[in-house]
Amino acid sequence: MTVLHFDYPRPPVTANQRLHWAHKAKLTRSVRDATAKLAHRIPELGKCRVELTWFVTTKARRDADNIVPTLKAMCDGLVDAGVVTDDTPDLMVKVMPVIEYVKGGIAHMELRIEKIE
């Protein structure tokens, strides 16, 4: 298993954002590029399972569904890095994002990538 660490205190792209399309595209591209840069050393896996965890420092209510656009951009970045040839369901199993409270920690995100048969 490989874990990619992102210093995002909150998801850069969410389902609830109401952004101009160009600004949203720029944010999405930055997440995609950051993921590809971090993942460039991961060998081609064939098929993998990915899970995004957002570690938060407060107990405010949050909806994990809203993080899915960030997960999508990260999965596209894995394709760009050559970890998998495509992010279709037959090659990449995407788990619903998880939000985990860490008392006294630093808010960040982690993407876990695991080869599956």
C-alpha atoms as a PDB file:
ATOM      1  CA  MET A   1       0.000   0.000   0.000  1.00  0.00           C
ATOM      2  CA  THR A   2       1.141   3.538  -0.755  1.00  0.00           C
ATOM      3  CA  VAL A   3      -0.093   6.632   1.087  1.00  0.00           C
ATOM      4  CA  LEU A   4       0.124  10.058  -0.534  1.00  0.00           C
ATOM      5  CA  HIS A   5       0.034  12.987   1.886  1.00  0.00           C
ATOM      6  CA  PHE A   6      -1.543  16.323   0.908  1.00  0.00           C
ATOM      7  CA  ASP A   7      -1.269  19.458   3.044  1.00  0.00           C
ATOM      8  CA  TYR A   8      -4.829  20.512   2.180  1.00  0.00           C
ATOM      9  CA  PRO A   9      -6.557  21.689   5.400  1.00  0.00           C
ATOM     10  CA  ARG A  10      -9.847  21.285   3.502  1.00  0.00           C
ATOM     11  CA  PRO A  11     -10.779  19.793   0.134  1.00  0.00           C
ATOM     12  CA  PRO A  12      -9.767  22.102  -2.716  1.00  0.00           C
ATOM     13  CA  VAL A  13     -12.727  21.042  -4.875  1.00  0.00           C
ATOM     14  CA  THR A  14     -16.121  20.196  -3.367  1.00  0.00           C
ATOM     15  CA  ALA A  15     -19.584  19.376  -4.632  1.00  0.00           C
ATOM     16  CA  ASN A  16     -21.099  22.396  -2.856  1.00  0.00           C
ATOM     17  CA  GLN A  17     -18.784  25.030  -4.336  1.00  0.00           C
ATOM     18  CA  ARG A  18     -20.369  27.474  -6.739  1.00  0.00           C
ATOM     19  CA  LEU A  19     -17.337  28.593  -8.693  1.00  0.00           C
ATOM     20  CA  HIS A  20     -16.828  30.031 -12.146  1.00  0.00           C
ATOM     21  CA  TRP A  21     -15.994  27.130 -14.457  1.00  0.00           C
ATOM     22  CA  ALA A  22     -12.492  28.450 -15.165  1.00  0.00           C
ATOM     23  CA  HIS A  23     -11.623  28.785 -11.476  1.00  0.00           C
ATOM     24  CA  LYS A  24     -12.981  25.301 -10.758  1.00  0.00           C
ATOM     25  CA  ALA A  25     -10.958  23.897 -13.675  1.00  0.00           C
ATOM     26  CA  LYS A  26      -7.800  25.546 -12.309  1.00  0.00           C
ATOM     27  CA  LEU A  27      -8.358  24.054  -8.834  1.00  0.00           C
ATOM     28  CA  THR A  28      -9.100  20.635 -10.302  1.00  0.00           C
ATOM     29  CA  ARG A  29      -5.976  20.786 -12.460  1.00  0.00           C
ATOM     30  CA  SER A  30      -3.815  21.745  -9.454  1.00  0.00           C
ATOM     31  CA  VAL A  31      -5.078  18.728  -7.444  1.00  0.00           C
ATOM     32  CA  ARG A  32      -4.600  16.444 -10.441  1.00  0.00           C
ATOM     33  CA  ASP A  33      -1.047  17.718 -11.035  1.00  0.00           C
ATOM     34  CA  ALA A  34      -0.106  17.511  -7.333  1.00  0.00           C
ATOM     35  CA  THR A  35      -1.287  13.897  -7.239  1.00  0.00           C
ATOM     36  CA  ALA A  36       0.601  12.981 -10.406  1.00  0.00           C
ATOM     37  CA  LYS A  37       3.765  14.554  -8.997  1.00  0.00           C
ATOM     38  CA  LEU A  38       3.505  12.600  -5.732  1.00  0.00           C
ATOM     39  CA  ALA A  39       2.573   9.350  -7.500  1.00  0.00           C
ATOM     40  CA  HIS A  40       5.210   9.367 -10.237  1.00  0.00           C
ATOM     41  CA  ARG A  41       7.357   6.783  -8.398  1.00  0.00           C
ATOM     42  CA  ILE A  42       4.517   4.290  -7.924  1.00  0.00           C
ATOM     43  CA  PRO A  43       4.893   1.430 -10.429  1.00  0.00           C
ATOM     44  CA  GLU A  44       2.026   0.574 -12.756  1.00  0.00           C
ATOM     45  CA  LEU A  45      -0.449  -1.438 -10.665  1.00  0.00           C
ATOM     46  CA  GLY A  46      -2.870  -2.829 -13.218  1.00  0.00           C
ATOM     47  CA  LYS A  47      -5.822  -2.614 -10.840  1.00  0.00           C
ATOM     48  CA  CYS A  48      -6.008  -0.699  -7.572  1.00  0.00           C
ATOM     49  CA  ARG A  49      -8.210   0.436  -4.717  1.00  0.00           C
ATOM     50  CA  VAL A  50      -8.111   4.091  -3.632  1.00  0.00           C
ATOM     51  CA  GLU A  51      -9.424   5.703  -0.465  1.00  0.00           C
ATOM     52  CA  LEU A  52      -9.271   9.377   0.477  1.00  0.00           C
ATOM     53  CA  THR A  53      -9.220  10.368   4.156  1.00  0.00           C
ATOM     54  CA  TRP A  54      -9.605  13.951   5.308  1.00  0.00           C
ATOM     55  CA  PHE A  55      -8.139  14.397   8.780  1.00  0.00           C
ATOM     56  CA  VAL A  56      -9.855  17.290  10.561  1.00  0.00           C
ATOM     57  CA  THR A  57      -9.144  19.022  13.878  1.00  0.00           C
ATOM     58  CA  THR A  58     -12.669  20.039  14.860  1.00  0.00           C
ATOM     59  CA  LYS A  59     -15.862  18.079  15.334  1.00  0.00           C
ATOM     60  CA  ALA A  60     -17.883  20.313  13.010  1.00  0.00           C
ATOM     61  CA  ARG A  61     -20.395  18.387  10.929  1.00  0.00           C
ATOM     62  CA  ARG A  62     -19.143  17.570   7.460  1.00  0.00           C
ATOM     63  CA  ASP A  63     -20.547  15.569   4.578  1.00  0.00           C
ATOM     64  CA  ALA A  64     -18.162  13.042   3.024  1.00  0.00           C
ATOM     65  CA  ASP A  65     -20.082  13.239  -0.287  1.00  0.00           C
ATOM     66  CA  ASN A  66     -18.785  16.772  -0.779  1.00  0.00           C
ATOM     67  CA  ILE A  67     -15.191  15.528  -1.031  1.00  0.00           C
ATOM     68  CA  VAL A  68     -15.841  13.334  -4.067  1.00  0.00           C
ATOM     69  CA  PRO A  69     -14.716  15.980  -6.641  1.00  0.00           C
ATOM     70  CA  THR A  70     -11.308  16.130  -4.925  1.00  0.00           C
ATOM     71  CA  LEU A  71     -11.113  12.314  -4.984  1.00  0.00           C
ATOM     72  CA  LYS A  72     -11.991  12.344  -8.704  1.00  0.00           C
ATOM     73  CA  ALA A  73      -9.200  14.825  -9.471  1.00  0.00           C
ATOM     74  CA  MET A  74      -6.734  12.712  -7.470  1.00  0.00           C
ATOM     75  CA  CYS A  75      -7.746   9.568  -9.358  1.00  0.00           C
ATOM     76  CA  ASP A  76      -7.191  11.381 -12.654  1.00  0.00           C
ATOM     77  CA  GLY A  77      -3.746  12.361 -11.360  1.00  0.00           C
ATOM     78  CA  LEU A  78      -2.962   8.690 -10.728  1.00  0.00           C
ATOM     79  CA  VAL A  79      -3.816   7.986 -14.367  1.00  0.00           C
ATOM     80  CA  ASP A  80      -1.598  10.897 -15.461  1.00  0.00           C
ATOM     81  CA  ALA A  81       1.277   9.393 -13.416  1.00  0.00           C
ATOM     82  CA  GLY A  82       0.821   5.978 -15.057  1.00  0.00           C
ATOM     83  CA  VAL A  83      -0.226   4.181 -11.873  1.00  0.00           C
ATOM     84  CA  VAL A  84      -3.212   2.786 -13.786  1.00  0.00           C
ATOM     85  CA  THR A  85      -4.191   3.155 -17.432  1.00  0.00           C
ATOM     86  CA  ASP A  86      -7.660   4.524 -16.613  1.00  0.00           C
ATOM     87  CA  ASP A  87      -9.846   5.256 -13.599  1.00  0.00           C
ATOM     88  CA  THR A  88     -12.739   3.113 -14.780  1.00  0.00           C
ATOM     89  CA  PRO A  89     -14.351   0.683 -12.295  1.00  0.00           C
ATOM     90  CA  ASP A  90     -12.644  -2.340 -13.862  1.00  0.00           C
ATOM     91  CA  LEU A  91      -9.204  -0.838 -13.061  1.00  0.00           C
ATOM     92  CA  MET A  92      -9.792   1.361 -10.028  1.00  0.00           C
ATOM     93  CA  VAL A  93     -12.067   0.715  -7.051  1.00  0.00           C
ATOM     94  CA  LYS A  94     -12.897   4.070  -5.454  1.00  0.00           C
ATOM     95  CA  VAL A  95     -14.008   3.944  -1.826  1.00  0.00           C
ATOM     96  CA  MET A  96     -16.268   6.692  -0.484  1.00  0.00           C
ATOM     97  CA  PRO A  97     -14.115   9.369   1.201  1.00  0.00           C
ATOM     98  CA  VAL A  98     -13.725   9.249   4.978  1.00  0.00           C
ATOM     99  CA  ILE A  99     -13.556  12.158   7.423  1.00  0.00           C
ATOM    100  CA  GLU A 100     -11.586  11.430  10.569  1.00  0.00           C
ATOM    101  CA  TYR A 101     -11.272  13.701  13.610  1.00  0.00           C
ATOM    102  CA  VAL A 102      -7.764  13.951  15.073  1.00  0.00           C
ATOM    103  CA  LYS A 103      -7.622  15.931  18.301  1.00  0.00           C
ATOM    104  CA  GLY A 104      -4.697  18.330  18.345  1.00  0.00           C
ATOM    105  CA  GLY A 105      -3.486  17.257  14.919  1.00  0.00           C
ATOM    106  CA  ILE A 106      -2.989  19.160  11.700  1.00  0.00           C
ATOM    107  CA  ALA A 107      -5.746  19.067   9.112  1.00  0.00           C
ATOM    108  CA  HIS A 108      -4.629  17.286   5.948  1.00  0.00           C
ATOM    109  CA  MET A 109      -5.676  14.675   3.406  1.00  0.00           C
ATOM    110  CA  GLU A 110      -4.251  11.251   2.604  1.00  0.00           C
ATOM    111  CA  LEU A 111      -4.870   9.082  -0.441  1.00  0.00           C
ATOM    112  CA  ARG A 112      -4.283   5.363   0.087  1.00  0.00           C
ATOM    113  CA  ILE A 113      -3.532   3.332  -3.003  1.00  0.00           C
ATOM    114  CA  GLU A 114      -3.491  -0.451  -2.856  1.00  0.00           C
ATOM    115  CA  LYS A 115      -2.857  -2.946  -5.639  1.00  0.00           C
ATOM    116  CA  ILE A 116      -5.616  -5.528  -6.014  1.00  0.00           C
ATOM    117  CA  GLU A 117      -5.877  -8.636  -8.151  1.00  0.00           C
END
